[in-house]
Amino acid sequence: MATRDWAVIWDVDGTLVDTAKLHHEAWVLTCARLGKLFTPQDFADTFGRRNPEIIRHLLGEHLTDEEIAQIGADKEDLYRTEAKKGVELLPGVGQLLKGIHQLAVSQGIGTSAPRKNLELILEITASTHFFAAQVAMEDTTRGKPDPEVFLKAAAQLNIPPQRCIVLEDAIAGVQAAKAGGMKCIGVTFVGHHPREKLIQAGADHVVHSFEEIDARFIEQLLV
Protein backbone atom coordinates (compact mmCIF):
# COMPACT_ATOMS: atom_id res chain seq x y z
CA MET A 1 0.00 0.00 0.00
CA ALA A 2 1.36 3.41 -0.98
CA THR A 3 2.07 5.90 1.79
CA ARG A 4 -0.56 8.65 2.07
CA ASP A 5 0.23 12.31 1.36
CA TRP A 6 -0.41 13.43 4.94
CA ALA A 7 1.11 12.70 8.31
CA VAL A 8 0.45 12.77 12.04
CA ILE A 9 3.00 14.22 14.47
CA TRP A 10 2.67 13.32 18.15
CA ASP A 11 3.79 15.19 21.21
CA VAL A 12 4.81 12.79 24.00
CA ASP A 13 4.33 13.98 27.59
CA GLY A 14 0.63 14.48 28.25
CA THR A 15 -0.34 13.26 24.78
CA LEU A 16 1.18 9.84 24.16
CA VAL A 17 1.73 9.07 27.86
CA ASP A 18 1.13 10.71 31.22
CA THR A 19 4.50 11.29 32.89
CA ALA A 20 3.58 14.61 34.53
CA LYS A 21 3.87 13.31 38.10
CA LEU A 22 7.29 11.83 37.39
CA HIS A 23 8.55 15.07 35.86
CA HIS A 24 7.06 17.14 38.67
CA GLU A 25 8.73 15.06 41.36
CA ALA A 26 12.06 15.19 39.53
CA TRP A 27 11.88 18.98 39.25
CA VAL A 28 10.92 19.36 42.93
CA LEU A 29 13.94 17.33 44.03
CA THR A 30 16.30 18.99 41.55
CA CYS A 31 15.27 22.49 42.62
CA ALA A 32 15.42 21.57 46.32
CA ARG A 33 19.04 20.50 45.88
CA LEU A 34 19.71 24.00 44.50
CA GLY A 35 17.83 25.77 47.26
CA LYS A 36 14.87 26.66 45.05
CA LEU A 37 11.20 25.91 45.71
CA PHE A 38 9.44 24.38 42.70
CA THR A 39 5.75 25.31 42.83
CA PRO A 40 2.69 23.97 41.00
CA GLN A 41 2.62 27.27 39.11
CA ASP A 42 6.22 26.75 38.01
CA PHE A 43 5.19 23.37 36.61
CA ALA A 44 2.18 24.83 34.77
CA ASP A 45 4.25 27.69 33.35
CA THR A 46 7.00 25.45 32.00
CA PHE A 47 5.35 22.15 31.04
CA GLY A 48 6.08 21.16 27.45
CA ARG A 49 9.16 23.35 27.11
CA ARG A 50 12.80 22.39 26.65
CA ASN A 51 15.03 22.04 29.71
CA PRO A 52 17.27 25.01 28.87
CA GLU A 53 14.26 27.34 28.78
CA ILE A 54 12.77 25.78 31.93
CA ILE A 55 16.00 26.08 33.91
CA ARG A 56 16.54 29.70 32.89
CA HIS A 57 12.95 30.46 33.86
CA LEU A 58 13.40 28.82 37.26
CA LEU A 59 16.95 29.81 38.15
CA GLY A 60 17.82 32.87 36.09
CA GLU A 61 19.89 33.87 33.09
CA HIS A 62 23.23 33.93 34.95
CA LEU A 63 23.86 30.20 34.56
CA THR A 64 26.34 29.01 31.93
CA ASP A 65 25.35 26.57 29.21
CA GLU A 66 27.44 23.91 30.96
CA GLU A 67 25.68 24.47 34.29
CA ILE A 68 22.28 24.31 32.60
CA ALA A 69 23.21 21.09 30.82
CA GLN A 70 24.34 19.47 34.09
CA ILE A 71 21.20 20.52 35.99
CA GLY A 72 19.06 19.18 33.14
CA ALA A 73 20.99 15.90 33.06
CA ASP A 74 20.61 15.42 36.81
CA LYS A 75 16.86 16.06 36.61
CA GLU A 76 16.40 13.62 33.74
CA ASP A 77 18.36 10.90 35.53
CA LEU A 78 15.86 11.19 38.40
CA TYR A 79 12.95 11.09 35.95
CA ARG A 80 14.19 8.05 34.02
CA THR A 81 14.82 6.08 37.21
CA GLU A 82 11.15 6.39 38.09
CA ALA A 83 9.87 5.99 34.51
CA LYS A 84 11.59 2.61 34.24
CA LYS A 85 9.15 1.32 36.86
CA GLY A 86 6.36 1.55 34.30
CA VAL A 87 4.60 3.95 31.93
CA GLU A 88 1.51 3.19 29.83
CA LEU A 89 -0.01 4.73 26.72
CA LEU A 90 -2.95 7.02 27.47
CA PRO A 91 -6.53 5.83 26.72
CA GLY A 92 -7.20 5.47 23.01
CA VAL A 93 -3.58 6.07 21.98
CA GLY A 94 -2.74 2.47 21.12
CA GLN A 95 -5.81 2.04 18.95
CA LEU A 96 -5.25 5.37 17.22
CA LEU A 97 -1.61 4.55 16.48
CA LYS A 98 -2.71 1.26 14.89
CA GLY A 99 -5.53 2.89 12.94
CA ILE A 100 -3.28 5.55 11.46
CA HIS A 101 -0.69 2.90 10.61
CA GLN A 102 -3.31 0.76 8.88
CA LEU A 103 -4.14 3.72 6.60
CA ALA A 104 -0.46 3.80 5.55
CA VAL A 105 -0.12 7.28 7.04
CA SER A 106 3.33 8.29 8.30
CA GLN A 107 3.68 9.18 11.98
CA GLY A 108 6.36 11.14 13.78
CA ILE A 109 7.31 12.47 17.19
CA GLY A 110 7.97 16.12 17.99
CA THR A 111 8.93 16.48 21.65
CA SER A 112 10.75 18.87 23.97
CA ALA A 113 12.03 15.86 25.93
CA PRO A 114 15.65 14.68 25.75
CA ARG A 115 16.24 11.80 23.33
CA LYS A 116 17.05 9.31 26.11
CA ASN A 117 13.63 10.00 27.63
CA LEU A 118 11.90 9.58 24.29
CA GLU A 119 13.66 6.31 23.52
CA LEU A 120 12.86 4.97 26.98
CA ILE A 121 9.15 5.81 26.70
CA LEU A 122 8.86 4.28 23.23
CA GLU A 123 10.66 1.14 24.42
CA ILE A 124 8.50 0.75 27.54
CA THR A 125 5.27 1.23 25.56
CA ALA A 126 6.45 -0.95 22.63
CA SER A 127 5.54 1.81 20.16
CA THR A 128 8.88 2.65 18.50
CA HIS A 129 7.90 0.96 15.23
CA PHE A 130 5.02 3.36 14.63
CA PHE A 131 7.25 6.42 14.21
CA ALA A 132 9.21 7.11 11.04
CA ALA A 133 10.48 10.40 12.49
CA GLN A 134 11.63 11.21 16.01
CA VAL A 135 12.64 14.78 16.84
CA ALA A 136 13.76 15.44 20.41
CA MET A 137 15.27 18.29 22.44
CA GLU A 138 18.80 17.76 21.13
CA ASP A 139 17.59 18.19 17.55
CA THR A 140 16.32 21.73 18.14
CA THR A 141 17.67 25.10 19.26
CA ARG A 142 14.30 26.71 19.92
CA GLY A 143 11.51 25.31 22.08
CA LYS A 144 7.76 25.37 21.65
CA PRO A 145 5.86 27.64 20.88
CA ASP A 146 8.47 27.96 18.12
CA PRO A 147 7.50 25.46 15.37
CA GLU A 148 11.03 24.13 14.82
CA VAL A 149 10.43 20.71 16.39
CA PHE A 150 7.33 20.02 14.28
CA LEU A 151 8.82 21.42 11.08
CA LYS A 152 11.82 19.11 11.49
CA ALA A 153 9.52 16.14 12.02
CA ALA A 154 7.57 17.03 8.88
CA ALA A 155 10.81 17.32 6.92
CA GLN A 156 11.94 13.88 8.12
CA LEU A 157 8.59 12.46 7.04
CA ASN A 158 8.88 14.28 3.69
CA ILE A 159 5.38 15.70 4.11
CA PRO A 160 4.57 19.43 3.66
CA PRO A 161 3.64 21.14 6.96
CA GLN A 162 0.17 22.02 5.68
CA ARG A 163 -0.48 18.28 5.25
CA CYS A 164 0.50 17.45 8.83
CA ILE A 165 -1.72 17.17 11.89
CA VAL A 166 -0.18 17.59 15.32
CA LEU A 167 -1.58 15.92 18.45
CA GLU A 168 -0.85 18.04 21.55
CA ASP A 169 -1.91 18.69 25.13
CA ALA A 170 -0.05 21.95 25.84
CA ILE A 171 -0.78 25.54 24.85
CA ALA A 172 2.81 26.07 23.71
CA GLY A 173 2.59 22.92 21.58
CA VAL A 174 -0.65 24.00 19.91
CA GLN A 175 0.87 27.40 19.21
CA ALA A 176 3.95 25.72 17.73
CA ALA A 177 1.83 23.57 15.42
CA LYS A 178 -0.18 26.54 14.17
CA ALA A 179 2.95 28.65 13.74
CA GLY A 180 4.27 25.87 11.50
CA GLY A 181 1.16 25.95 9.33
CA MET A 182 -0.19 22.65 10.61
CA LYS A 183 -3.57 21.46 11.83
CA CYS A 184 -3.74 20.54 15.52
CA ILE A 185 -5.91 18.36 17.74
CA GLY A 186 -5.71 19.15 21.44
CA VAL A 187 -6.28 16.59 24.19
CA THR A 188 -7.27 17.41 27.77
CA PHE A 189 -7.09 13.98 29.45
CA VAL A 190 -4.08 14.78 31.65
CA GLY A 191 -5.56 18.18 32.38
CA HIS A 192 -2.65 20.58 32.11
CA HIS A 193 -4.72 23.01 30.05
CA PRO A 194 -8.51 23.27 29.66
CA ARG A 195 -10.33 22.95 26.36
CA GLU A 196 -10.96 26.72 26.16
CA LYS A 197 -7.26 27.54 26.44
CA LEU A 198 -6.30 25.03 23.75
CA ILE A 199 -8.92 26.47 21.41
CA GLN A 200 -7.68 29.98 22.12
CA ALA A 201 -4.18 28.79 21.25
CA GLY A 202 -5.51 27.68 17.84
CA ALA A 203 -6.45 24.02 18.16
CA ASP A 204 -8.69 22.92 15.28
CA HIS A 205 -10.40 20.33 17.47
CA VAL A 206 -10.15 19.31 21.13
CA VAL A 207 -10.97 15.93 22.71
CA HIS A 208 -10.88 14.67 26.27
CA SER A 209 -9.19 11.45 25.18
CA PHE A 210 -8.22 9.83 21.91
CA GLU A 211 -10.92 7.22 22.44
CA GLU A 212 -13.26 9.84 20.92
CA ILE A 213 -11.66 9.88 17.44
CA ASP A 214 -10.14 7.58 14.84
CA ALA A 215 -7.76 7.92 11.92
CA ARG A 216 -10.56 8.75 9.45
CA PHE A 217 -11.70 11.60 11.67
CA ILE A 218 -8.18 13.05 11.69
CA GLU A 219 -7.99 12.77 7.90
CA GLN A 220 -11.19 14.82 7.54
CA LEU A 221 -9.47 17.84 9.12
CA LEU A 222 -7.34 18.09 6.00
CA VAL A 223 -10.23 18.00 3.53
C-alpha atoms as a PDB file:
ATOM      1  CA  MET A   1       0.000   0.000   0.000  1.00  0.00           C
ATOM      2  CA  ALA A   2       1.356   3.415  -0.983  1.00  0.00           C
ATOM      3  CA  THR A   3       2.065   5.902   1.788  1.00  0.00           C
ATOM      4  CA  ARG A   4      -0.562   8.655   2.071  1.00  0.00           C
ATOM      5  CA  ASP A   5       0.226  12.315   1.364  1.00  0.00           C
ATOM      6  CA  TRP A   6      -0.411  13.427   4.942  1.00  0.00           C
ATOM      7  CA  ALA A   7       1.107  12.704   8.313  1.00  0.00           C
ATOM      8  CA  VAL A   8       0.449  12.774  12.041  1.00  0.00           C
ATOM      9  CA  ILE A   9       3.005  14.217  14.473  1.00  0.00           C
ATOM     10  CA  TRP A  10       2.668  13.323  18.146  1.00  0.00           C
ATOM     11  CA  ASP A  11       3.785  15.192  21.211  1.00  0.00           C
ATOM     12  CA  VAL A  12       4.807  12.790  24.000  1.00  0.00           C
ATOM     13  CA  ASP A  13       4.325  13.975  27.587  1.00  0.00           C
ATOM     14  CA  GLY A  14       0.627  14.482  28.250  1.00  0.00           C
ATOM     15  CA  THR A  15      -0.340  13.262  24.776  1.00  0.00           C
ATOM     16  CA  LEU A  16       1.181   9.844  24.163  1.00  0.00           C
ATOM     17  CA  VAL A  17       1.731   9.068  27.857  1.00  0.00           C
ATOM     18  CA  ASP A  18       1.130  10.713  31.224  1.00  0.00           C
ATOM     19  CA  THR A  19       4.496  11.292  32.890  1.00  0.00           C
ATOM     20  CA  ALA A  20       3.584  14.608  34.526  1.00  0.00           C
ATOM     21  CA  LYS A  21       3.866  13.306  38.097  1.00  0.00           C
ATOM     22  CA  LEU A  22       7.291  11.826  37.392  1.00  0.00           C
ATOM     23  CA  HIS A  23       8.547  15.071  35.858  1.00  0.00           C
ATOM     24  CA  HIS A  24       7.057  17.138  38.672  1.00  0.00           C
ATOM     25  CA  GLU A  25       8.725  15.056  41.359  1.00  0.00           C
ATOM     26  CA  ALA A  26      12.064  15.187  39.532  1.00  0.00           C
ATOM     27  CA  TRP A  27      11.882  18.984  39.250  1.00  0.00           C
ATOM     28  CA  VAL A  28      10.919  19.361  42.930  1.00  0.00           C
ATOM     29  CA  LEU A  29      13.944  17.334  44.031  1.00  0.00           C
ATOM     30  CA  THR A  30      16.295  18.993  41.549  1.00  0.00           C
ATOM     31  CA  CYS A  31      15.275  22.488  42.622  1.00  0.00           C
ATOM     32  CA  ALA A  32      15.419  21.568  46.319  1.00  0.00           C
ATOM     33  CA  ARG A  33      19.037  20.499  45.882  1.00  0.00           C
ATOM     34  CA  LEU A  34      19.713  23.996  44.502  1.00  0.00           C
ATOM     35  CA  GLY A  35      17.826  25.773  47.260  1.00  0.00           C
ATOM     36  CA  LYS A  36      14.872  26.662  45.052  1.00  0.00           C
ATOM     37  CA  LEU A  37      11.199  25.909  45.715  1.00  0.00           C
ATOM     38  CA  PHE A  38       9.439  24.376  42.702  1.00  0.00           C
ATOM     39  CA  THR A  39       5.749  25.312  42.830  1.00  0.00           C
ATOM     40  CA  PRO A  40       2.693  23.971  40.995  1.00  0.00           C
ATOM     41  CA  GLN A  41       2.619  27.275  39.113  1.00  0.00           C
ATOM     42  CA  ASP A  42       6.219  26.746  38.006  1.00  0.00           C
ATOM     43  CA  PHE A  43       5.185  23.369  36.606  1.00  0.00           C
ATOM     44  CA  ALA A  44       2.176  24.827  34.773  1.00  0.00           C
ATOM     45  CA  ASP A  45       4.253  27.686  33.350  1.00  0.00           C
ATOM     46  CA  THR A  46       7.002  25.448  31.997  1.00  0.00           C
ATOM     47  CA  PHE A  47       5.347  22.153  31.036  1.00  0.00           C
ATOM     48  CA  GLY A  48       6.081  21.159  27.450  1.00  0.00           C
ATOM     49  CA  ARG A  49       9.160  23.352  27.110  1.00  0.00           C
ATOM     50  CA  ARG A  50      12.804  22.392  26.652  1.00  0.00           C
ATOM     51  CA  ASN A  51      15.028  22.038  29.714  1.00  0.00           C
ATOM     52  CA  PRO A  52      17.267  25.014  28.867  1.00  0.00           C
ATOM     53  CA  GLU A  53      14.257  27.344  28.785  1.00  0.00           C
ATOM     54  CA  ILE A  54      12.773  25.785  31.933  1.00  0.00           C
ATOM     55  CA  ILE A  55      16.002  26.078  33.911  1.00  0.00           C
ATOM     56  CA  ARG A  56      16.542  29.697  32.895  1.00  0.00           C
ATOM     57  CA  HIS A  57      12.949  30.459  33.860  1.00  0.00           C
ATOM     58  CA  LEU A  58      13.401  28.822  37.260  1.00  0.00           C
ATOM     59  CA  LEU A  59      16.947  29.808  38.153  1.00  0.00           C
ATOM     60  CA  GLY A  60      17.819  32.870  36.088  1.00  0.00           C
ATOM     61  CA  GLU A  61      19.895  33.865  33.092  1.00  0.00           C
ATOM     62  CA  HIS A  62      23.227  33.930  34.953  1.00  0.00           C
ATOM     63  CA  LEU A  63      23.864  30.199  34.558  1.00  0.00           C
ATOM     64  CA  THR A  64      26.337  29.007  31.933  1.00  0.00           C
ATOM     65  CA  ASP A  65      25.351  26.570  29.214  1.00  0.00           C
ATOM     66  CA  GLU A  66      27.441  23.910  30.959  1.00  0.00           C
ATOM     67  CA  GLU A  67      25.681  24.466  34.287  1.00  0.00           C
ATOM     68  CA  ILE A  68      22.279  24.314  32.596  1.00  0.00           C
ATOM     69  CA  ALA A  69      23.211  21.090  30.817  1.00  0.00           C
ATOM     70  CA  GLN A  70      24.336  19.472  34.092  1.00  0.00           C
ATOM     71  CA  ILE A  71      21.197  20.523  35.986  1.00  0.00           C
ATOM     72  CA  GLY A  72      19.060  19.177  33.140  1.00  0.00           C
ATOM     73  CA  ALA A  73      20.990  15.900  33.057  1.00  0.00           C
ATOM     74  CA  ASP A  74      20.608  15.421  36.807  1.00  0.00           C
ATOM     75  CA  LYS A  75      16.865  16.062  36.614  1.00  0.00           C
ATOM     76  CA  GLU A  76      16.396  13.620  33.736  1.00  0.00           C
ATOM     77  CA  ASP A  77      18.356  10.900  35.534  1.00  0.00           C
ATOM     78  CA  LEU A  78      15.860  11.192  38.399  1.00  0.00           C
ATOM     79  CA  TYR A  79      12.947  11.086  35.947  1.00  0.00           C
ATOM     80  CA  ARG A  80      14.187   8.053  34.024  1.00  0.00           C
ATOM     81  CA  THR A  81      14.820   6.077  37.211  1.00  0.00           C
ATOM     82  CA  GLU A  82      11.148   6.386  38.092  1.00  0.00           C
ATOM     83  CA  ALA A  83       9.870   5.991  34.512  1.00  0.00           C
ATOM     84  CA  LYS A  84      11.585   2.609  34.240  1.00  0.00           C
ATOM     85  CA  LYS A  85       9.151   1.325  36.861  1.00  0.00           C
ATOM     86  CA  GLY A  86       6.356   1.547  34.301  1.00  0.00           C
ATOM     87  CA  VAL A  87       4.603   3.952  31.929  1.00  0.00           C
ATOM     88  CA  GLU A  88       1.506   3.189  29.826  1.00  0.00           C
ATOM     89  CA  LEU A  89      -0.014   4.732  26.717  1.00  0.00           C
ATOM     90  CA  LEU A  90      -2.949   7.024  27.469  1.00  0.00           C
ATOM     91  CA  PRO A  91      -6.529   5.829  26.724  1.00  0.00           C
ATOM     92  CA  GLY A  92      -7.201   5.472  23.012  1.00  0.00           C
ATOM     93  CA  VAL A  93      -3.583   6.072  21.976  1.00  0.00           C
ATOM     94  CA  GLY A  94      -2.736   2.474  21.117  1.00  0.00           C
ATOM     95  CA  GLN A  95      -5.811   2.042  18.954  1.00  0.00           C
ATOM     96  CA  LEU A  96      -5.252   5.370  17.218  1.00  0.00           C
ATOM     97  CA  LEU A  97      -1.613   4.549  16.477  1.00  0.00           C
ATOM     98  CA  LYS A  98      -2.706   1.262  14.892  1.00  0.00           C
ATOM     99  CA  GLY A  99      -5.529   2.894  12.936  1.00  0.00           C
ATOM    100  CA  ILE A 100      -3.276   5.551  11.464  1.00  0.00           C
ATOM    101  CA  HIS A 101      -0.689   2.903  10.609  1.00  0.00           C
ATOM    102  CA  GLN A 102      -3.306   0.762   8.878  1.00  0.00           C
ATOM    103  CA  LEU A 103      -4.136   3.723   6.601  1.00  0.00           C
ATOM    104  CA  ALA A 104      -0.461   3.802   5.547  1.00  0.00           C
ATOM    105  CA  VAL A 105      -0.118   7.276   7.040  1.00  0.00           C
ATOM    106  CA  SER A 106       3.331   8.286   8.305  1.00  0.00           C
ATOM    107  CA  GLN A 107       3.681   9.180  11.979  1.00  0.00           C
ATOM    108  CA  GLY A 108       6.356  11.139  13.779  1.00  0.00           C
ATOM    109  CA  ILE A 109       7.307  12.468  17.192  1.00  0.00           C
ATOM    110  CA  GLY A 110       7.973  16.120  17.993  1.00  0.00           C
ATOM    111  CA  THR A 111       8.934  16.480  21.649  1.00  0.00           C
ATOM    112  CA  SER A 112      10.745  18.866  23.968  1.00  0.00           C
ATOM    113  CA  ALA A 113      12.030  15.863  25.927  1.00  0.00           C
ATOM    114  CA  PRO A 114      15.651  14.675  25.746  1.00  0.00           C
ATOM    115  CA  ARG A 115      16.243  11.803  23.330  1.00  0.00           C
ATOM    116  CA  LYS A 116      17.049   9.315  26.112  1.00  0.00           C
ATOM    117  CA  ASN A 117      13.634   9.999  27.635  1.00  0.00           C
ATOM    118  CA  LEU A 118      11.902   9.578  24.292  1.00  0.00           C
ATOM    119  CA  GLU A 119      13.660   6.312  23.516  1.00  0.00           C
ATOM    120  CA  LEU A 120      12.859   4.968  26.984  1.00  0.00           C
ATOM    121  CA  ILE A 121       9.148   5.814  26.696  1.00  0.00           C
ATOM    122  CA  LEU A 122       8.860   4.276  23.225  1.00  0.00           C
ATOM    123  CA  GLU A 123      10.659   1.145  24.420  1.00  0.00           C
ATOM    124  CA  ILE A 124       8.496   0.752  27.541  1.00  0.00           C
ATOM    125  CA  THR A 125       5.275   1.231  25.557  1.00  0.00           C
ATOM    126  CA  ALA A 126       6.446  -0.949  22.635  1.00  0.00           C
ATOM    127  CA  SER A 127       5.544   1.808  20.161  1.00  0.00           C
ATOM    128  CA  THR A 128       8.876   2.650  18.496  1.00  0.00           C
ATOM    129  CA  HIS A 129       7.903   0.963  15.228  1.00  0.00           C
ATOM    130  CA  PHE A 130       5.019   3.358  14.626  1.00  0.00           C
ATOM    131  CA  PHE A 131       7.246   6.418  14.206  1.00  0.00           C
ATOM    132  CA  ALA A 132       9.212   7.105  11.036  1.00  0.00           C
ATOM    133  CA  ALA A 133      10.483  10.398  12.489  1.00  0.00           C
ATOM    134  CA  GLN A 134      11.626  11.215  16.007  1.00  0.00           C
ATOM    135  CA  VAL A 135      12.643  14.785  16.837  1.00  0.00           C
ATOM    136  CA  ALA A 136      13.759  15.435  20.415  1.00  0.00           C
ATOM    137  CA  MET A 137      15.271  18.287  22.442  1.00  0.00           C
ATOM    138  CA  GLU A 138      18.799  17.756  21.133  1.00  0.00           C
ATOM    139  CA  ASP A 139      17.588  18.192  17.549  1.00  0.00           C
ATOM    140  CA  THR A 140      16.323  21.732  18.144  1.00  0.00           C
ATOM    141  CA  THR A 141      17.667  25.098  19.260  1.00  0.00           C
ATOM    142  CA  ARG A 142      14.295  26.714  19.915  1.00  0.00           C
ATOM    143  CA  GLY A 143      11.512  25.308  22.078  1.00  0.00           C
ATOM    144  CA  LYS A 144       7.755  25.372  21.651  1.00  0.00           C
ATOM    145  CA  PRO A 145       5.861  27.639  20.876  1.00  0.00           C
ATOM    146  CA  ASP A 146       8.474  27.955  18.124  1.00  0.00           C
ATOM    147  CA  PRO A 147       7.498  25.464  15.374  1.00  0.00           C
ATOM    148  CA  GLU A 148      11.035  24.127  14.815  1.00  0.00           C
ATOM    149  CA  VAL A 149      10.426  20.712  16.390  1.00  0.00           C
ATOM    150  CA  PHE A 150       7.333  20.021  14.278  1.00  0.00           C
ATOM    151  CA  LEU A 151       8.823  21.416  11.078  1.00  0.00           C
ATOM    152  CA  LYS A 152      11.822  19.114  11.486  1.00  0.00           C
ATOM    153  CA  ALA A 153       9.521  16.136  12.024  1.00  0.00           C
ATOM    154  CA  ALA A 154       7.568  17.027   8.883  1.00  0.00           C
ATOM    155  CA  ALA A 155      10.810  17.319   6.917  1.00  0.00           C
ATOM    156  CA  GLN A 156      11.937  13.882   8.122  1.00  0.00           C
ATOM    157  CA  LEU A 157       8.594  12.457   7.036  1.00  0.00           C
ATOM    158  CA  ASN A 158       8.883  14.276   3.694  1.00  0.00           C
ATOM    159  CA  ILE A 159       5.384  15.699   4.107  1.00  0.00           C
ATOM    160  CA  PRO A 160       4.567  19.433   3.659  1.00  0.00           C
ATOM    161  CA  PRO A 161       3.642  21.143   6.956  1.00  0.00           C
ATOM    162  CA  GLN A 162       0.174  22.021   5.677  1.00  0.00           C
ATOM    163  CA  ARG A 163      -0.484  18.281   5.247  1.00  0.00           C
ATOM    164  CA  CYS A 164       0.497  17.453   8.829  1.00  0.00           C
ATOM    165  CA  ILE A 165      -1.723  17.171  11.892  1.00  0.00           C
ATOM    166  CA  VAL A 166      -0.181  17.592  15.323  1.00  0.00           C
ATOM    167  CA  LEU A 167      -1.579  15.920  18.453  1.00  0.00           C
ATOM    168  CA  GLU A 168      -0.853  18.041  21.545  1.00  0.00           C
ATOM    169  CA  ASP A 169      -1.912  18.690  25.129  1.00  0.00           C
ATOM    170  CA  ALA A 170      -0.055  21.949  25.841  1.00  0.00           C
ATOM    171  CA  ILE A 171      -0.784  25.540  24.851  1.00  0.00           C
ATOM    172  CA  ALA A 172       2.815  26.066  23.710  1.00  0.00           C
ATOM    173  CA  GLY A 173       2.587  22.922  21.582  1.00  0.00           C
ATOM    174  CA  VAL A 174      -0.646  23.998  19.914  1.00  0.00           C
ATOM    175  CA  GLN A 175       0.869  27.402  19.210  1.00  0.00           C
ATOM    176  CA  ALA A 176       3.949  25.724  17.729  1.00  0.00           C
ATOM    177  CA  ALA A 177       1.828  23.570  15.421  1.00  0.00           C
ATOM    178  CA  LYS A 178      -0.180  26.536  14.170  1.00  0.00           C
ATOM    179  CA  ALA A 179       2.955  28.651  13.739  1.00  0.00           C
ATOM    180  CA  GLY A 180       4.269  25.871  11.503  1.00  0.00           C
ATOM    181  CA  GLY A 181       1.157  25.954   9.327  1.00  0.00           C
ATOM    182  CA  MET A 182      -0.193  22.649  10.608  1.00  0.00           C
ATOM    183  CA  LYS A 183      -3.572  21.457  11.827  1.00  0.00           C
ATOM    184  CA  CYS A 184      -3.742  20.536  15.515  1.00  0.00           C
ATOM    185  CA  ILE A 185      -5.913  18.362  17.742  1.00  0.00           C
ATOM    186  CA  GLY A 186      -5.709  19.149  21.443  1.00  0.00           C
ATOM    187  CA  VAL A 187      -6.276  16.588  24.186  1.00  0.00           C
ATOM    188  CA  THR A 188      -7.267  17.407  27.771  1.00  0.00           C
ATOM    189  CA  PHE A 189      -7.087  13.979  29.453  1.00  0.00           C
ATOM    190  CA  VAL A 190      -4.082  14.779  31.646  1.00  0.00           C
ATOM    191  CA  GLY A 191      -5.564  18.181  32.384  1.00  0.00           C
ATOM    192  CA  HIS A 192      -2.654  20.575  32.105  1.00  0.00           C
ATOM    193  CA  HIS A 193      -4.722  23.008  30.049  1.00  0.00           C
ATOM    194  CA  PRO A 194      -8.514  23.270  29.658  1.00  0.00           C
ATOM    195  CA  ARG A 195     -10.325  22.955  26.362  1.00  0.00           C
ATOM    196  CA  GLU A 196     -10.961  26.716  26.156  1.00  0.00           C
ATOM    197  CA  LYS A 197      -7.256  27.538  26.439  1.00  0.00           C
ATOM    198  CA  LEU A 198      -6.296  25.031  23.749  1.00  0.00           C
ATOM    199  CA  ILE A 199      -8.916  26.465  21.414  1.00  0.00           C
ATOM    200  CA  GLN A 200      -7.680  29.983  22.119  1.00  0.00           C
ATOM    201  CA  ALA A 201      -4.183  28.786  21.249  1.00  0.00           C
ATOM    202  CA  GLY A 202      -5.505  27.684  17.844  1.00  0.00           C
ATOM    203  CA  ALA A 203      -6.449  24.019  18.160  1.00  0.00           C
ATOM    204  CA  ASP A 204      -8.688  22.916  15.283  1.00  0.00           C
ATOM    205  CA  HIS A 205     -10.405  20.329  17.474  1.00  0.00           C
ATOM    206  CA  VAL A 206     -10.153  19.307  21.134  1.00  0.00           C
ATOM    207  CA  VAL A 207     -10.966  15.926  22.707  1.00  0.00           C
ATOM    208  CA  HIS A 208     -10.878  14.673  26.270  1.00  0.00           C
ATOM    209  CA  SER A 209      -9.192  11.453  25.181  1.00  0.00           C
ATOM    210  CA  PHE A 210      -8.219   9.829  21.908  1.00  0.00           C
ATOM    211  CA  GLU A 211     -10.916   7.220  22.438  1.00  0.00           C
ATOM    212  CA  GLU A 212     -13.258   9.841  20.917  1.00  0.00           C
ATOM    213  CA  ILE A 213     -11.662   9.876  17.440  1.00  0.00           C
ATOM    214  CA  ASP A 214     -10.143   7.576  14.842  1.00  0.00           C
ATOM    215  CA  ALA A 215      -7.758   7.919  11.916  1.00  0.00           C
ATOM    216  CA  ARG A 216     -10.562   8.752   9.453  1.00  0.00           C
ATOM    217  CA  PHE A 217     -11.703  11.603  11.668  1.00  0.00           C
ATOM    218  CA  ILE A 218      -8.183  13.045  11.693  1.00  0.00           C
ATOM    219  CA  GLU A 219      -7.991  12.767   7.902  1.00  0.00           C
ATOM    220  CA  GLN A 220     -11.188  14.821   7.544  1.00  0.00           C
ATOM    221  CA  LEU A 221      -9.467  17.837   9.120  1.00  0.00           C
ATOM    222  CA  LEU A 222      -7.341  18.091   6.000  1.00  0.00           C
ATOM    223  CA  VAL A 223     -10.228  18.002   3.533  1.00  0.00           C
END
